[in-house]
Structures are given as C-alpha cells and as structure tokens.
Amino acid sequence: MLARLGLEPGDEEFYAEQLSGILAHIDRLQELDTEAIPPTAQIVEVTNPLREDVPRPCLTQAEALANAPAAVDGFFRVPSIQEETYRSRRHEAG
C-alpha cells in the first residue's frame, strides 16, 4: 500500500488509469540513453538577482524595538515555544 487515500466509490479506476499513464511515461523515459547528459538540478541557469551588499547605517536599538509588540531590557520579547506547548497540552488534557 503506497498511501491511505480516502477515495470515493468509483475513483479507484480513474486514479489507476492516471497512475498507469504516469508509470508508462516513466518506462519510456527509462529507454533513453542519458550517458552523455550530465546530471542537472536546474533546467535553466539560476542567477542571483540580489543587489551588491553595500554597508549602510543600521537602526539603533531603540529604532529596531520601536514597533515590537513587546520588549524587555532592550530585547524583543517573544513567547516561549515550550510555554505554549505546555499550556496547550494542559488545556487539551483538562
């Protein structure tokens, strides 16, 4: 069994035909001689569209924290993942 899909009655034949078509296409591709073709990860050349990195003045700590929902002692305050997980598990159990 490849997957446990919830199919409606009659869908099995439809998907079996599609899967058979895909597998037949793969079989046809297996017949090709690819020895002279180097392995590739991309069909087209990938280029980096980013601009050159140019040093610029950065934000001050106060500017960086100005729109933060919460800050403590000059740092961003974010909820702890463990706290959230612990609370949600206690809520589910209770």
PDB file of N, CA and C in Angstrom:
ATOM      1  N   MET A   1       0.850  -1.167   0.000  1.00  0.00           N
ATOM      2  CA  MET A   1       0.000   0.000   0.000  1.00  0.00           C
ATOM      3  C   MET A   1       0.902   1.240   0.000  1.00  0.00           C
ATOM      4  N   LEU A   2       0.730   2.093  -0.992  1.00  0.00           N
ATOM      5  CA  LEU A   2       1.533   3.304  -1.089  1.00  0.00           C
ATOM      6  C   LEU A   2       1.007   4.413  -0.197  1.00  0.00           C
ATOM      7  N   ALA A   3      -0.282   4.547  -0.112  1.00  0.00           N
ATOM      8  CA  ALA A   3      -0.868   5.617   0.689  1.00  0.00           C
ATOM      9  C   ALA A   3      -2.276   5.221   1.098  1.00  0.00           C
ATOM     10  N   ARG A   4      -2.724   5.850   2.150  1.00  0.00           N
ATOM     11  CA  ARG A   4      -4.094   5.625   2.605  1.00  0.00           C
ATOM     12  C   ARG A   4      -4.918   6.840   2.207  1.00  0.00           C
ATOM     13  N   LEU A   5      -5.441   6.787   1.010  1.00  0.00           N
ATOM     14  CA  LEU A   5      -6.216   7.893   0.475  1.00  0.00           C
ATOM     15  C   LEU A   5      -7.698   7.607   0.655  1.00  0.00           C
ATOM     16  N   GLY A   6      -8.428   8.622   1.052  1.00  0.00           N
ATOM     17  CA  GLY A   6      -9.869   8.475   1.164  1.00  0.00           C
ATOM     18  C   GLY A   6     -10.512   8.742  -0.180  1.00  0.00           C
ATOM     19  N   LEU A   7     -10.758   7.700  -0.941  1.00  0.00           N
ATOM     20  CA  LEU A   7     -11.333   7.841  -2.278  1.00  0.00           C
ATOM     21  C   LEU A   7     -12.825   7.544  -2.242  1.00  0.00           C
ATOM     22  N   GLU A   8     -13.535   8.250  -3.073  1.00  0.00           N
ATOM     23  CA  GLU A   8     -14.968   7.987  -3.230  1.00  0.00           C
ATOM     24  C   GLU A   8     -15.154   6.717  -4.058  1.00  0.00           C
ATOM     25  N   PRO A   9     -16.270   6.033  -3.906  1.00  0.00           N
ATOM     26  CA  PRO A   9     -16.520   4.834  -4.725  1.00  0.00           C
ATOM     27  C   PRO A   9     -16.426   5.186  -6.216  1.00  0.00           C
ATOM     28  N   GLY A  10     -15.697   4.394  -6.954  1.00  0.00           N
ATOM     29  CA  GLY A  10     -15.530   4.621  -8.382  1.00  0.00           C
ATOM     30  C   GLY A  10     -14.275   5.413  -8.725  1.00  0.00           C
ATOM     31  N   ASP A  11     -13.673   6.078  -7.743  1.00  0.00           N
ATOM     32  CA  ASP A  11     -12.464   6.862  -8.003  1.00  0.00           C
ATOM     33  C   ASP A  11     -11.256   5.977  -8.275  1.00  0.00           C
ATOM     34  N   GLU A  12     -11.279   4.733  -7.772  1.00  0.00           N
ATOM     35  CA  GLU A  12     -10.121   3.859  -7.919  1.00  0.00           C
ATOM     36  C   GLU A  12      -9.740   3.677  -9.380  1.00  0.00           C
ATOM     37  N   GLU A  13     -10.721   3.451 -10.229  1.00  0.00           N
ATOM     38  CA  GLU A  13     -10.449   3.237 -11.653  1.00  0.00           C
ATOM     39  C   GLU A  13      -9.845   4.483 -12.285  1.00  0.00           C
ATOM     40  N   PHE A  14     -10.395   5.647 -11.962  1.00  0.00           N
ATOM     41  CA  PHE A  14      -9.893   6.910 -12.509  1.00  0.00           C
ATOM     42  C   PHE A  14      -8.418   7.111 -12.140  1.00  0.00           C
ATOM     43  N   TYR A  15      -8.089   6.950 -10.848  1.00  0.00           N
ATOM     44  CA  TYR A  15      -6.719   7.163 -10.412  1.00  0.00           C
ATOM     45  C   TYR A  15      -5.796   6.045 -10.877  1.00  0.00           C
ATOM     46  N   ALA A  16      -6.305   4.833 -11.007  1.00  0.00           N
ATOM     47  CA  ALA A  16      -5.487   3.729 -11.516  1.00  0.00           C
ATOM     48  C   ALA A  16      -5.065   4.006 -12.952  1.00  0.00           C
ATOM     49  N   GLU A  17      -5.981   4.547 -13.763  1.00  0.00           N
ATOM     50  CA  GLU A  17      -5.639   4.902 -15.147  1.00  0.00           C
ATOM     51  C   GLU A  17      -4.590   6.003 -15.181  1.00  0.00           C
ATOM     52  N   GLN A  18      -4.752   7.016 -14.345  1.00  0.00           N
ATOM     53  CA  GLN A  18      -3.771   8.109 -14.318  1.00  0.00           C
ATOM     54  C   GLN A  18      -2.402   7.602 -13.877  1.00  0.00           C
ATOM     55  N   LEU A  19      -2.369   6.786 -12.831  1.00  0.00           N
ATOM     56  CA  LEU A  19      -1.105   6.247 -12.339  1.00  0.00           C
ATOM     57  C   LEU A  19      -0.460   5.357 -13.391  1.00  0.00           C
ATOM     58  N   SER A  20      -1.250   4.552 -14.087  1.00  0.00           N
ATOM     59  CA  SER A  20      -0.709   3.701 -15.148  1.00  0.00           C
ATOM     60  C   SER A  20      -0.089   4.555 -16.253  1.00  0.00           C
ATOM     61  N   GLY A  21      -0.737   5.673 -16.598  1.00  0.00           N
ATOM     62  CA  GLY A  21      -0.182   6.576 -17.603  1.00  0.00           C
ATOM     63  C   GLY A  21       1.140   7.176 -17.169  1.00  0.00           C
ATOM     64  N   ILE A  22       1.232   7.566 -15.913  1.00  0.00           N
ATOM     65  CA  ILE A  22       2.479   8.137 -15.378  1.00  0.00           C
ATOM     66  C   ILE A  22       3.579   7.091 -15.410  1.00  0.00           C
ATOM     67  N   LEU A  23       3.268   5.879 -14.951  1.00  0.00           N
ATOM     68  CA  LEU A  23       4.276   4.814 -14.942  1.00  0.00           C
ATOM     69  C   LEU A  23       4.713   4.434 -16.355  1.00  0.00           C
ATOM     70  N   ALA A  24       3.792   4.449 -17.321  1.00  0.00           N
ATOM     71  CA  ALA A  24       4.151   4.159 -18.710  1.00  0.00           C
ATOM     72  C   ALA A  24       5.095   5.230 -19.241  1.00  0.00           C
ATOM     73  N   HIS A  25       4.846   6.484 -18.889  1.00  0.00           N
ATOM     74  CA  HIS A  25       5.729   7.573 -19.321  1.00  0.00           C
ATOM     75  C   HIS A  25       7.124   7.406 -18.713  1.00  0.00           C
ATOM     76  N   ILE A  26       7.187   7.019 -17.452  1.00  0.00           N
ATOM     77  CA  ILE A  26       8.487   6.779 -16.804  1.00  0.00           C
ATOM     78  C   ILE A  26       9.211   5.637 -17.501  1.00  0.00           C
ATOM     79  N   ASP A  27       8.488   4.586 -17.877  1.00  0.00           N
ATOM     80  CA  ASP A  27       9.110   3.476 -18.602  1.00  0.00           C
ATOM     81  C   ASP A  27       9.700   3.954 -19.923  1.00  0.00           C
ATOM     82  N   ARG A  28       8.984   4.836 -20.618  1.00  0.00           N
ATOM     83  CA  ARG A  28       9.502   5.383 -21.880  1.00  0.00           C
ATOM     84  C   ARG A  28      10.770   6.195 -21.629  1.00  0.00           C
ATOM     85  N   LEU A  29      10.795   6.967 -20.547  1.00  0.00           N
ATOM     86  CA  LEU A  29      11.989   7.753 -20.235  1.00  0.00           C
ATOM     87  C   LEU A  29      13.176   6.853 -19.900  1.00  0.00           C
ATOM     88  N   GLN A  30      12.907   5.698 -19.283  1.00  0.00           N
ATOM     89  CA  GLN A  30      13.974   4.762 -18.934  1.00  0.00           C
ATOM     90  C   GLN A  30      14.668   4.200 -20.175  1.00  0.00           C
ATOM     91  N   GLU A  31      13.984   4.219 -21.310  1.00  0.00           N
ATOM     92  CA  GLU A  31      14.554   3.696 -22.548  1.00  0.00           C
ATOM     93  C   GLU A  31      15.580   4.643 -23.166  1.00  0.00           C
ATOM     94  N   LEU A  32      15.587   5.905 -22.759  1.00  0.00           N
ATOM     95  CA  LEU A  32      16.507   6.891 -23.338  1.00  0.00           C
ATOM     96  C   LEU A  32      17.932   6.664 -22.857  1.00  0.00           C
ATOM     97  N   ASP A  33      18.887   6.899 -23.761  1.00  0.00           N
ATOM     98  CA  ASP A  33      20.302   6.822 -23.412  1.00  0.00           C
ATOM     99  C   ASP A  33      20.714   8.200 -22.873  1.00  0.00           C
ATOM    100  N   THR A  34      20.983   8.262 -21.580  1.00  0.00           N
ATOM    101  CA  THR A  34      21.340   9.539 -20.947  1.00  0.00           C
ATOM    102  C   THR A  34      22.790   9.567 -20.478  1.00  0.00           C
ATOM    103  N   GLU A  35      23.603   8.636 -20.946  1.00  0.00           N
ATOM    104  CA  GLU A  35      25.001   8.567 -20.507  1.00  0.00           C
ATOM    105  C   GLU A  35      25.776   9.845 -20.811  1.00  0.00           C
ATOM    106  N   ALA A  36      25.495  10.496 -21.936  1.00  0.00           N
ATOM    107  CA  ALA A  36      26.250  11.692 -22.327  1.00  0.00           C
ATOM    108  C   ALA A  36      25.663  12.972 -21.729  1.00  0.00           C
ATOM    109  N   ILE A  37      24.588  12.863 -20.987  1.00  0.00           N
ATOM    110  CA  ILE A  37      23.938  14.043 -20.410  1.00  0.00           C
ATOM    111  C   ILE A  37      24.339  14.154 -18.943  1.00  0.00           C
ATOM    112  N   PRO A  38      24.978  15.280 -18.576  1.00  0.00           N
ATOM    113  CA  PRO A  38      25.399  15.428 -17.170  1.00  0.00           C
ATOM    114  C   PRO A  38      24.182  15.620 -16.252  1.00  0.00           C
ATOM    115  N   PRO A  39      24.276  15.150 -15.018  1.00  0.00           N
ATOM    116  CA  PRO A  39      23.186  15.352 -14.069  1.00  0.00           C
ATOM    117  C   PRO A  39      22.960  16.855 -13.844  1.00  0.00           C
ATOM    118  N   THR A  40      21.729  17.254 -13.749  1.00  0.00           N
ATOM    119  CA  THR A  40      21.417  18.664 -13.517  1.00  0.00           C
ATOM    120  C   THR A  40      20.354  18.785 -12.435  1.00  0.00           C
ATOM    121  N   ALA A  41      20.434  19.891 -11.712  1.00  0.00           N
ATOM    122  CA  ALA A  41      19.418  20.180 -10.709  1.00  0.00           C
ATOM    123  C   ALA A  41      18.434  21.210 -11.242  1.00  0.00           C
ATOM    124  N   GLN A  42      18.882  21.997 -12.229  1.00  0.00           N
ATOM    125  CA  GLN A  42      18.051  23.043 -12.814  1.00  0.00           C
ATOM    126  C   GLN A  42      18.087  22.905 -14.334  1.00  0.00           C
ATOM    127  N   ILE A  43      16.965  23.182 -14.960  1.00  0.00           N
ATOM    128  CA  ILE A  43      16.919  23.135 -16.414  1.00  0.00           C
ATOM    129  C   ILE A  43      17.511  24.409 -16.998  1.00  0.00           C
ATOM    130  N   VAL A  44      17.204  25.526 -16.364  1.00  0.00           N
ATOM    131  CA  VAL A  44      17.742  26.812 -16.806  1.00  0.00           C
ATOM    132  C   VAL A  44      18.730  27.309 -15.759  1.00  0.00           C
ATOM    133  N   GLU A  45      19.672  28.119 -16.205  1.00  0.00           N
ATOM    134  CA  GLU A  45      20.677  28.649 -15.292  1.00  0.00           C
ATOM    135  C   GLU A  45      20.020  29.550 -14.246  1.00  0.00           C
ATOM    136  N   VAL A  46      20.417  29.347 -13.010  1.00  0.00           N
ATOM    137  CA  VAL A  46      19.878  30.156 -11.920  1.00  0.00           C
ATOM    138  C   VAL A  46      20.870  31.274 -11.626  1.00  0.00           C
ATOM    139  N   THR A  47      20.363  32.491 -11.587  1.00  0.00           N
ATOM    140  CA  THR A  47      21.221  33.625 -11.269  1.00  0.00           C
ATOM    141  C   THR A  47      20.740  34.280  -9.985  1.00  0.00           C
ATOM    142  N   ASN A  48      21.629  34.975  -9.334  1.00  0.00           N
ATOM    143  CA  ASN A  48      21.302  35.654  -8.094  1.00  0.00           C
ATOM    144  C   ASN A  48      20.828  37.069  -8.422  1.00  0.00           C
ATOM    145  N   PRO A  49      19.535  37.365  -8.262  1.00  0.00           N
ATOM    146  CA  PRO A  49      19.024  38.682  -8.635  1.00  0.00           C
ATOM    147  C   PRO A  49      19.244  39.753  -7.566  1.00  0.00           C
ATOM    148  N   LEU A  50      19.961  39.426  -6.502  1.00  0.00           N
ATOM    149  CA  LEU A  50      20.139  40.385  -5.424  1.00  0.00           C
ATOM    150  C   LEU A  50      21.161  41.451  -5.783  1.00  0.00           C
ATOM    151  N   ARG A  51      21.025  42.595  -5.182  1.00  0.00           N
ATOM    152  CA  ARG A  51      21.958  43.700  -5.415  1.00  0.00           C
ATOM    153  C   ARG A  51      23.251  43.431  -4.654  1.00  0.00           C
ATOM    154  N   GLU A  52      24.256  44.183  -4.980  1.00  0.00           N
ATOM    155  CA  GLU A  52      25.523  44.101  -4.254  1.00  0.00           C
ATOM    156  C   GLU A  52      25.301  44.522  -2.809  1.00  0.00           C
ATOM    157  N   ASP A  53      25.992  43.901  -1.908  1.00  0.00           N
ATOM    158  CA  ASP A  53      25.881  44.245  -0.499  1.00  0.00           C
ATOM    159  C   ASP A  53      26.711  45.492  -0.234  1.00  0.00           C
ATOM    160  N   VAL A  54      26.028  46.572   0.112  1.00  0.00           N
ATOM    161  CA  VAL A  54      26.702  47.847   0.374  1.00  0.00           C
ATOM    162  C   VAL A  54      26.428  48.225   1.821  1.00  0.00           C
ATOM    163  N   PRO A  55      27.483  48.453   2.609  1.00  0.00           N
ATOM    164  CA  PRO A  55      27.250  48.837   4.013  1.00  0.00           C
ATOM    165  C   PRO A  55      26.468  50.148   4.099  1.00  0.00           C
ATOM    166  N   ARG A  56      25.490  50.170   4.987  1.00  0.00           N
ATOM    167  CA  ARG A  56      24.702  51.374   5.226  1.00  0.00           C
ATOM    168  C   ARG A  56      24.512  51.524   6.731  1.00  0.00           C
ATOM    169  N   PRO A  57      24.117  52.697   7.159  1.00  0.00           N
ATOM    170  CA  PRO A  57      23.861  52.859   8.597  1.00  0.00           C
ATOM    171  C   PRO A  57      22.717  51.941   9.029  1.00  0.00           C
ATOM    172  N   CYS A  58      22.845  51.345  10.188  1.00  0.00           N
ATOM    173  CA  CYS A  58      21.804  50.447  10.665  1.00  0.00           C
ATOM    174  C   CYS A  58      20.919  51.162  11.679  1.00  0.00           C
ATOM    175  N   LEU A  59      19.857  50.488  12.067  1.00  0.00           N
ATOM    176  CA  LEU A  59      18.946  51.044  13.057  1.00  0.00           C
ATOM    177  C   LEU A  59      19.594  51.042  14.433  1.00  0.00           C
ATOM    178  N   THR A  60      19.213  52.001  15.232  1.00  0.00           N
ATOM    179  CA  THR A  60      19.624  51.959  16.625  1.00  0.00           C
ATOM    180  C   THR A  60      18.765  50.917  17.326  1.00  0.00           C
ATOM    181  N   GLN A  61      19.160  50.551  18.526  1.00  0.00           N
ATOM    182  CA  GLN A  61      18.382  49.559  19.261  1.00  0.00           C
ATOM    183  C   GLN A  61      16.971  50.082  19.518  1.00  0.00           C
ATOM    184  N   ALA A  62      16.840  51.345  19.855  1.00  0.00           N
ATOM    185  CA  ALA A  62      15.517  51.931  20.106  1.00  0.00           C
ATOM    186  C   ALA A  62      14.666  51.923  18.842  1.00  0.00           C
ATOM    187  N   GLU A  63      15.274  52.226  17.685  1.00  0.00           N
ATOM    188  CA  GLU A  63      14.527  52.215  16.419  1.00  0.00           C
ATOM    189  C   GLU A  63      14.071  50.795  16.069  1.00  0.00           C
ATOM    190  N   ALA A  64      14.946  49.820  16.298  1.00  0.00           N
ATOM    191  CA  ALA A  64      14.605  48.433  15.982  1.00  0.00           C
ATOM    192  C   ALA A  64      13.454  47.938  16.855  1.00  0.00           C
ATOM    193  N   LEU A  65      13.402  48.371  18.096  1.00  0.00           N
ATOM    194  CA  LEU A  65      12.374  47.915  19.028  1.00  0.00           C
ATOM    195  C   LEU A  65      11.112  48.777  19.001  1.00  0.00           C
ATOM    196  N   ALA A  66      11.120  49.870  18.235  1.00  0.00           N
ATOM    197  CA  ALA A  66      10.018  50.827  18.258  1.00  0.00           C
ATOM    198  C   ALA A  66       8.666  50.185  17.917  1.00  0.00           C
ATOM    199  N   ASN A  67       8.611  49.260  16.985  1.00  0.00           N
ATOM    200  CA  ASN A  67       7.343  48.640  16.592  1.00  0.00           C
ATOM    201  C   ASN A  67       7.175  47.229  17.144  1.00  0.00           C
ATOM    202  N   ALA A  68       8.055  46.835  18.051  1.00  0.00           N
ATOM    203  CA  ALA A  68       7.952  45.492  18.621  1.00  0.00           C
ATOM    204  C   ALA A  68       6.708  45.386  19.494  1.00  0.00           C
ATOM    205  N   PRO A  69       5.967  44.276  19.401  1.00  0.00           N
ATOM    206  CA  PRO A  69       4.799  44.121  20.263  1.00  0.00           C
ATOM    207  C   PRO A  69       5.182  44.072  21.738  1.00  0.00           C
ATOM    208  N   ALA A  70       6.389  43.563  22.037  1.00  0.00           N
ATOM    209  CA  ALA A  70       6.862  43.520  23.422  1.00  0.00           C
ATOM    210  C   ALA A  70       8.381  43.534  23.428  1.00  0.00           C
ATOM    211  N   ALA A  71       8.947  44.267  24.377  1.00  0.00           N
ATOM    212  CA  ALA A  71      10.401  44.324  24.533  1.00  0.00           C
ATOM    213  C   ALA A  71      10.715  44.281  26.014  1.00  0.00           C
ATOM    214  N   VAL A  72      11.836  43.614  26.348  1.00  0.00           N
ATOM    215  CA  VAL A  72      12.288  43.519  27.731  1.00  0.00           C
ATOM    216  C   VAL A  72      13.783  43.766  27.761  1.00  0.00           C
ATOM    217  N   ASP A  73      14.211  44.742  28.531  1.00  0.00           N
ATOM    218  CA  ASP A  73      15.632  45.058  28.714  1.00  0.00           C
ATOM    219  C   ASP A  73      16.363  45.229  27.382  1.00  0.00           C
ATOM    220  N   GLY A  74      15.717  45.857  26.397  1.00  0.00           N
ATOM    221  CA  GLY A  74      16.358  46.131  25.124  1.00  0.00           C
ATOM    222  C   GLY A  74      16.341  44.973  24.136  1.00  0.00           C
ATOM    223  N   PHE A  75      15.577  43.941  24.415  1.00  0.00           N
ATOM    224  CA  PHE A  75      15.480  42.786  23.530  1.00  0.00           C
ATOM    225  C   PHE A  75      14.026  42.567  23.132  1.00  0.00           C
ATOM    226  N   PHE A  76      13.809  41.911  21.979  1.00  0.00           N
ATOM    227  CA  PHE A  76      12.462  41.533  21.574  1.00  0.00           C
ATOM    228  C   PHE A  76      11.950  40.470  22.547  1.00  0.00           C
ATOM    229  N   ARG A  77      10.728  40.602  22.969  1.00  0.00           N
ATOM    230  CA  ARG A  77      10.098  39.602  23.840  1.00  0.00           C
ATOM    231  C   ARG A  77       9.187  38.755  22.966  1.00  0.00           C
ATOM    232  N   VAL A  78       9.464  37.457  22.915  1.00  0.00           N
ATOM    233  CA  VAL A  78       8.641  36.533  22.140  1.00  0.00           C
ATOM    234  C   VAL A  78       8.176  35.418  23.063  1.00  0.00           C
ATOM    235  N   PRO A  79       7.021  34.836  22.771  1.00  0.00           N
ATOM    236  CA  PRO A  79       6.547  33.740  23.614  1.00  0.00           C
ATOM    237  C   PRO A  79       7.458  32.529  23.480  1.00  0.00           C
ATOM    238  N   SER A  80       7.640  31.843  24.568  1.00  0.00           N
ATOM    239  CA  SER A  80       8.437  30.621  24.564  1.00  0.00           C
ATOM    240  C   SER A  80       7.639  29.499  23.929  1.00  0.00           C
ATOM    241  N   ILE A  81       8.255  28.741  23.074  1.00  0.00           N
ATOM    242  CA  ILE A  81       7.573  27.620  22.429  1.00  0.00           C
ATOM    243  C   ILE A  81       7.216  26.568  23.469  1.00  0.00           C
ATOM    244  N   GLN A  82       8.127  26.318  24.410  1.00  0.00           N
ATOM    245  CA  GLN A  82       7.845  25.325  25.435  1.00  0.00           C
ATOM    246  C   GLN A  82       6.647  25.750  26.277  1.00  0.00           C
ATOM    247  N   GLU A  83       6.562  27.036  26.617  1.00  0.00           N
ATOM    248  CA  GLU A  83       5.435  27.508  27.412  1.00  0.00           C
ATOM    249  C   GLU A  83       4.126  27.292  26.660  1.00  0.00           C
ATOM    250  N   GLU A  84       4.102  27.636  25.385  1.00  0.00           N
ATOM    251  CA  GLU A  84       2.886  27.478  24.592  1.00  0.00           C
ATOM    252  C   GLU A  84       2.505  26.013  24.470  1.00  0.00           C
ATOM    253  N   THR A  85       3.481  25.158  24.221  1.00  0.00           N
ATOM    254  CA  THR A  85       3.217  23.734  24.082  1.00  0.00           C
ATOM    255  C   THR A  85       2.698  23.166  25.394  1.00  0.00           C
ATOM    256  N   TYR A  86       3.323  23.562  26.495  1.00  0.00           N
ATOM    257  CA  TYR A  86       2.910  23.078  27.810  1.00  0.00           C
ATOM    258  C   TYR A  86       1.487  23.525  28.110  1.00  0.00           C
ATOM    259  N   ARG A  87       1.183  24.789  27.832  1.00  0.00           N
ATOM    260  CA  ARG A  87      -0.156  25.309  28.092  1.00  0.00           C
ATOM    261  C   ARG A  87      -1.191  24.592  27.229  1.00  0.00           C
ATOM    262  N   SER A  88      -0.872  24.404  25.938  1.00  0.00           N
ATOM    263  CA  SER A  88      -1.852  23.769  25.045  1.00  0.00           C
ATOM    264  C   SER A  88      -2.074  22.315  25.443  1.00  0.00           C
ATOM    265  N   ARG A  89      -1.040  21.610  25.887  1.00  0.00           N
ATOM    266  CA  ARG A  89      -1.200  20.225  26.308  1.00  0.00           C
ATOM    267  C   ARG A  89      -2.024  20.152  27.599  1.00  0.00           C
ATOM    268  N   ARG A  90      -1.792  21.106  28.515  1.00  0.00           N
ATOM    269  CA  ARG A  90      -2.579  21.113  29.750  1.00  0.00           C
ATOM    270  C   ARG A  90      -4.042  21.412  29.432  1.00  0.00           C
ATOM    271  N   HIS A  91      -4.251  22.315  28.463  1.00  0.00           N
ATOM    272  CA  HIS A  91      -5.610  22.671  28.080  1.00  0.00           C
ATOM    273  C   HIS A  91      -6.314  21.474  27.439  1.00  0.00           C
ATOM    274  N   GLU A  92      -5.585  20.722  26.575  1.00  0.00           N
ATOM    275  CA  GLU A  92      -6.183  19.563  25.925  1.00  0.00           C
ATOM    276  C   GLU A  92      -6.493  18.458  26.936  1.00  0.00           C
ATOM    277  N   ALA A  93      -5.603  18.292  27.921  1.00  0.00           N
ATOM    278  CA  ALA A  93      -5.777  17.227  28.910  1.00  0.00           C
ATOM    279  C   ALA A  93      -6.873  17.573  29.920  1.00  0.00           C
ATOM    280  N   GLY A  94      -7.067  18.862  30.170  1.00  0.00           N
ATOM    281  CA  GLY A  94      -8.008  19.274  31.222  1.00  0.00           C
ATOM    282  C   GLY A  94      -9.329  19.504  30.706  1.00  0.00           C
TER     283      GLY A  94
END
